[in-house]
């Protein structure tokens, strides 16, 4: 059985509000996609070893469109 991130695969969305201004934040994608030019094209088996979270989690960057605050949120991978 393979575990996948539901946000990366478009299964659903998770909303977070900015801690500064309470505006709905925007999911900018997994943190590993910002490591270098090629990381968005690598397999999950490779990239999820370097994001600093548990194997069954995917670290996403959320950004506030109002004040620009960025926060990381750990998203639980689901088995499929």
C-alpha atoms as a PDB file:
ATOM      1  CA  UNK A   1       0.000   0.000   0.000  1.00  0.00           C
ATOM      2  CA  UNK A   2       1.318   3.451  -0.904  1.00  0.00           C
ATOM      3  CA  UNK A   3       0.855   6.511   1.275  1.00  0.00           C
ATOM      4  CA  UNK A   4       0.239   9.820  -0.496  1.00  0.00           C
ATOM      5  CA  UNK A   5      -0.325  13.411   0.491  1.00  0.00           C
ATOM      6  CA  UNK A   6      -3.990  14.301  -0.043  1.00  0.00           C
ATOM      7  CA  UNK A   7      -3.130  17.943  -0.775  1.00  0.00           C
ATOM      8  CA  UNK A   8      -0.433  17.161  -3.347  1.00  0.00           C
ATOM      9  CA  UNK A   9      -2.857  14.794  -5.078  1.00  0.00           C
ATOM     10  CA  UNK A  10      -5.840  17.151  -5.016  1.00  0.00           C
ATOM     11  CA  UNK A  11      -8.035  14.900  -2.874  1.00  0.00           C
ATOM     12  CA  UNK A  12      -9.056  17.757  -0.599  1.00  0.00           C
ATOM     13  CA  UNK A  13      -7.920  21.121   0.738  1.00  0.00           C
ATOM     14  CA  UNK A  14      -7.069  22.199   4.260  1.00  0.00           C
ATOM     15  CA  UNK A  15      -7.595  25.834   5.215  1.00  0.00           C
ATOM     16  CA  UNK A  16      -5.459  27.675   7.749  1.00  0.00           C
ATOM     17  CA  UNK A  17      -5.911  31.255   8.892  1.00  0.00           C
ATOM     18  CA  UNK A  18      -2.983  33.620   9.296  1.00  0.00           C
ATOM     19  CA  UNK A  19      -1.892  34.090  12.899  1.00  0.00           C
ATOM     20  CA  UNK A  20      -1.153  37.793  12.206  1.00  0.00           C
ATOM     21  CA  UNK A  21      -4.270  39.006  10.404  1.00  0.00           C
ATOM     22  CA  UNK A  22      -6.677  36.022  10.366  1.00  0.00           C
ATOM     23  CA  UNK A  23      -6.822  35.947   6.524  1.00  0.00           C
ATOM     24  CA  UNK A  24      -7.274  32.556   4.822  1.00  0.00           C
ATOM     25  CA  UNK A  25      -3.788  31.380   3.807  1.00  0.00           C
ATOM     26  CA  UNK A  26      -2.840  29.899   0.415  1.00  0.00           C
ATOM     27  CA  UNK A  27      -1.196  26.479   0.074  1.00  0.00           C
ATOM     28  CA  UNK A  28       2.053  27.064  -1.845  1.00  0.00           C
ATOM     29  CA  UNK A  29       2.801  23.333  -2.051  1.00  0.00           C
ATOM     30  CA  UNK A  30       5.214  20.965  -0.352  1.00  0.00           C
ATOM     31  CA  UNK A  31       8.399  22.414   1.080  1.00  0.00           C
ATOM     32  CA  UNK A  32      10.556  19.892  -0.812  1.00  0.00           C
ATOM     33  CA  UNK A  33       9.496  21.515  -4.106  1.00  0.00           C
ATOM     34  CA  UNK A  34      11.488  24.602  -3.124  1.00  0.00           C
ATOM     35  CA  UNK A  35      14.787  22.853  -2.310  1.00  0.00           C
ATOM     36  CA  UNK A  36      16.227  23.114  -5.829  1.00  0.00           C
ATOM     37  CA  UNK A  37      15.220  23.277  -9.506  1.00  0.00           C
ATOM     38  CA  UNK A  38      14.690  19.509  -9.856  1.00  0.00           C
ATOM     39  CA  UNK A  39      13.015  18.586  -6.566  1.00  0.00           C
ATOM     40  CA  UNK A  40       9.431  19.044  -7.891  1.00  0.00           C
ATOM     41  CA  UNK A  41      10.180  16.315 -10.458  1.00  0.00           C
ATOM     42  CA  UNK A  42      11.637  13.725  -8.083  1.00  0.00           C
ATOM     43  CA  UNK A  43       9.701  10.760  -6.695  1.00  0.00           C
ATOM     44  CA  UNK A  44       8.114  10.972  -3.243  1.00  0.00           C
ATOM     45  CA  UNK A  45      10.356   8.116  -2.085  1.00  0.00           C
ATOM     46  CA  UNK A  46      13.332  10.446  -2.553  1.00  0.00           C
ATOM     47  CA  UNK A  47      12.023  13.857  -1.521  1.00  0.00           C
ATOM     48  CA  UNK A  48      10.168  12.957   1.655  1.00  0.00           C
ATOM     49  CA  UNK A  49      13.467  11.835   3.190  1.00  0.00           C
ATOM     50  CA  UNK A  50      14.813  15.391   3.233  1.00  0.00           C
ATOM     51  CA  UNK A  51      11.903  17.561   4.423  1.00  0.00           C
ATOM     52  CA  UNK A  52      12.559  16.934   8.127  1.00  0.00           C
ATOM     53  CA  UNK A  53       9.199  15.383   9.008  1.00  0.00           C
ATOM     54  CA  UNK A  54       8.075  11.810   9.620  1.00  0.00           C
ATOM     55  CA  UNK A  55       7.682   9.469   6.661  1.00  0.00           C
ATOM     56  CA  UNK A  56       3.884   9.568   6.975  1.00  0.00           C
ATOM     57  CA  UNK A  57       3.716  13.379   6.760  1.00  0.00           C
ATOM     58  CA  UNK A  58       4.172  15.991   4.026  1.00  0.00           C
ATOM     59  CA  UNK A  59       5.338  19.478   4.967  1.00  0.00           C
ATOM     60  CA  UNK A  60       3.403  22.223   3.130  1.00  0.00           C
ATOM     61  CA  UNK A  61       4.138  25.942   2.988  1.00  0.00           C
ATOM     62  CA  UNK A  62       1.166  28.251   3.488  1.00  0.00           C
ATOM     63  CA  UNK A  63       1.388  31.968   2.743  1.00  0.00           C
ATOM     64  CA  UNK A  64      -0.931  34.797   3.710  1.00  0.00           C
ATOM     65  CA  UNK A  65      -1.989  36.858   0.661  1.00  0.00           C
ATOM     66  CA  UNK A  66      -2.640  39.858   2.916  1.00  0.00           C
ATOM     67  CA  UNK A  67       0.510  40.246   5.059  1.00  0.00           C
ATOM     68  CA  UNK A  68       2.869  37.733   3.398  1.00  0.00           C
ATOM     69  CA  UNK A  69       3.474  35.569   6.484  1.00  0.00           C
ATOM     70  CA  UNK A  70       4.650  32.038   5.623  1.00  0.00           C
ATOM     71  CA  UNK A  71       4.065  29.052   7.886  1.00  0.00           C
ATOM     72  CA  UNK A  72       4.810  25.349   7.511  1.00  0.00           C
ATOM     73  CA  UNK A  73       2.126  22.777   8.264  1.00  0.00           C
ATOM     74  CA  UNK A  74       2.652  19.047   8.466  1.00  0.00           C
ATOM     75  CA  UNK A  75      -0.035  17.146   6.534  1.00  0.00           C
ATOM     76  CA  UNK A  76      -0.734  13.465   7.290  1.00  0.00           C
ATOM     77  CA  UNK A  77      -0.249  11.149   4.316  1.00  0.00           C
ATOM     78  CA  UNK A  78      -3.090   8.710   3.615  1.00  0.00           C
ATOM     79  CA  UNK A  79      -2.792   5.052   2.565  1.00  0.00           C
ATOM     80  CA  UNK A  80      -4.207   4.156  -0.829  1.00  0.00           C
END
